[in-house]
Amino acid sequence: MTRDEEAPDPSLFDRRIVERNIKRGLITRKDYEKFLKSLSDASDKIKSPDDAPEPSSSPAGTGTPSPTTPREPV
């Protein structure tokens, strides 16, 4: 990529399709490596699984029984 060229679309670097885009010539391996180096470190935003809230027994915490919860006879 030269200075006169625009920066490639960030969606071209999606890890699920980046190899396909390299093979098709949409980006180069060098472009991809440069993109990876430009990413910021977000490791400080990782949360521990211990910090996650406990799952609710009812859907979306509504307090209503889920369809799979057996009902008491009337």
C-alpha atoms as a PDB file:
ATOM      1  CA  MET A   1       0.000   0.000   0.000  1.00  0.00           C
ATOM      2  CA  THR A   2       1.444   3.349  -0.986  1.00  0.00           C
ATOM      3  CA  ARG A   3       0.832   6.720   0.620  1.00  0.00           C
ATOM      4  CA  ASP A   4      -1.449   7.717  -2.249  1.00  0.00           C
ATOM      5  CA  GLU A   5      -3.790   4.778  -1.628  1.00  0.00           C
ATOM      6  CA  GLU A   6      -6.603   4.942   0.889  1.00  0.00           C
ATOM      7  CA  ALA A   7      -6.443   2.755   3.973  1.00  0.00           C
ATOM      8  CA  PRO A   8      -8.307  -0.518   3.360  1.00  0.00           C
ATOM      9  CA  ASP A   9     -11.790  -0.979   4.783  1.00  0.00           C
ATOM     10  CA  PRO A  10     -11.450  -2.340   8.354  1.00  0.00           C
ATOM     11  CA  SER A  11     -13.991  -5.076   7.580  1.00  0.00           C
ATOM     12  CA  LEU A  12     -11.406  -6.623   5.238  1.00  0.00           C
ATOM     13  CA  PHE A  13      -9.377  -7.519   8.336  1.00  0.00           C
ATOM     14  CA  ASP A  14     -12.157  -9.516  10.018  1.00  0.00           C
ATOM     15  CA  ARG A  15     -10.358 -12.586  11.338  1.00  0.00           C
ATOM     16  CA  ARG A  16     -13.055 -14.873   9.920  1.00  0.00           C
ATOM     17  CA  ILE A  17     -12.378 -13.783   6.324  1.00  0.00           C
ATOM     18  CA  VAL A  18      -8.919 -12.211   6.323  1.00  0.00           C
ATOM     19  CA  GLU A  19      -7.226 -15.228   4.694  1.00  0.00           C
ATOM     20  CA  ARG A  20      -9.793 -15.179   1.882  1.00  0.00           C
ATOM     21  CA  ASN A  21      -9.217 -11.446   1.360  1.00  0.00           C
ATOM     22  CA  ILE A  22      -5.444 -11.980   1.186  1.00  0.00           C
ATOM     23  CA  LYS A  23      -5.872 -14.791  -1.362  1.00  0.00           C
ATOM     24  CA  ARG A  24      -8.173 -12.607  -3.455  1.00  0.00           C
ATOM     25  CA  GLY A  25      -5.632  -9.790  -3.389  1.00  0.00           C
ATOM     26  CA  LEU A  26      -7.924  -7.353  -1.576  1.00  0.00           C
ATOM     27  CA  ILE A  27      -5.252  -6.836   1.086  1.00  0.00           C
ATOM     28  CA  THR A  28      -1.684  -8.012   1.541  1.00  0.00           C
ATOM     29  CA  ARG A  29      -0.197  -9.975   4.414  1.00  0.00           C
ATOM     30  CA  LYS A  30       1.861  -6.846   5.155  1.00  0.00           C
ATOM     31  CA  ASP A  31      -1.353  -4.758   5.378  1.00  0.00           C
ATOM     32  CA  TYR A  32      -2.806  -7.307   7.805  1.00  0.00           C
ATOM     33  CA  GLU A  33       0.296  -7.331  10.014  1.00  0.00           C
ATOM     34  CA  LYS A  34       0.295  -3.528  10.045  1.00  0.00           C
ATOM     35  CA  PHE A  35      -3.389  -3.552  11.032  1.00  0.00           C
ATOM     36  CA  LEU A  36      -2.723  -5.984  13.910  1.00  0.00           C
ATOM     37  CA  LYS A  37       0.120  -3.835  15.228  1.00  0.00           C
ATOM     38  CA  SER A  38      -2.125  -0.752  15.145  1.00  0.00           C
ATOM     39  CA  LEU A  39      -4.689  -2.309  17.508  1.00  0.00           C
ATOM     40  CA  SER A  40      -4.637  -1.026  21.065  1.00  0.00           C
ATOM     41  CA  ASP A  41      -4.201  -3.286  24.080  1.00  0.00           C
ATOM     42  CA  ALA A  42      -7.612  -3.817  25.696  1.00  0.00           C
ATOM     43  CA  SER A  43      -6.526  -6.385  28.282  1.00  0.00           C
ATOM     44  CA  ASP A  44      -7.475  -3.983  31.088  1.00  0.00           C
ATOM     45  CA  LYS A  45     -11.141  -4.273  30.001  1.00  0.00           C
ATOM     46  CA  ILE A  46     -11.334  -8.033  30.620  1.00  0.00           C
ATOM     47  CA  LYS A  47     -13.642  -9.008  33.469  1.00  0.00           C
ATOM     48  CA  SER A  48     -13.202 -12.051  35.649  1.00  0.00           C
ATOM     49  CA  PRO A  49     -15.897 -14.744  35.402  1.00  0.00           C
ATOM     50  CA  ASP A  50     -16.304 -14.271  39.166  1.00  0.00           C
ATOM     51  CA  ASP A  51     -17.611 -10.737  38.469  1.00  0.00           C
ATOM     52  CA  ALA A  52     -20.461 -12.011  36.265  1.00  0.00           C
ATOM     53  CA  PRO A  53     -23.970 -11.860  37.736  1.00  0.00           C
ATOM     54  CA  GLU A  54     -25.652 -15.119  38.692  1.00  0.00           C
ATOM     55  CA  PRO A  55     -28.017 -16.398  35.984  1.00  0.00           C
ATOM     56  CA  SER A  56     -31.711 -15.962  36.729  1.00  0.00           C
ATOM     57  CA  SER A  57     -34.053 -18.960  36.779  1.00  0.00           C
ATOM     58  CA  SER A  58     -36.722 -16.983  34.933  1.00  0.00           C
ATOM     59  CA  PRO A  59     -36.305 -15.453  31.480  1.00  0.00           C
ATOM     60  CA  ALA A  60     -34.853 -11.958  31.538  1.00  0.00           C
ATOM     61  CA  GLY A  61     -35.340 -11.770  35.297  1.00  0.00           C
ATOM     62  CA  THR A  62     -39.088 -11.134  34.961  1.00  0.00           C
ATOM     63  CA  GLY A  63     -40.069 -13.401  37.831  1.00  0.00           C
ATOM     64  CA  THR A  64     -42.388 -15.402  35.599  1.00  0.00           C
ATOM     65  CA  PRO A  65     -41.804 -19.118  35.154  1.00  0.00           C
ATOM     66  CA  SER A  66     -40.189 -20.250  31.946  1.00  0.00           C
ATOM     67  CA  PRO A  67     -42.181 -22.498  29.584  1.00  0.00           C
ATOM     68  CA  THR A  68     -40.127 -25.483  30.741  1.00  0.00           C
ATOM     69  CA  THR A  69     -40.870 -24.903  34.427  1.00  0.00           C
ATOM     70  CA  PRO A  70     -43.545 -27.363  35.648  1.00  0.00           C
ATOM     71  CA  ARG A  71     -46.647 -25.663  36.989  1.00  0.00           C
ATOM     72  CA  GLU A  72     -48.467 -26.681  40.129  1.00  0.00           C
ATOM     73  CA  PRO A  73     -51.879 -28.299  39.614  1.00  0.00           C
ATOM     74  CA  VAL A  74     -54.826 -25.964  40.049  1.00  0.00           C
END
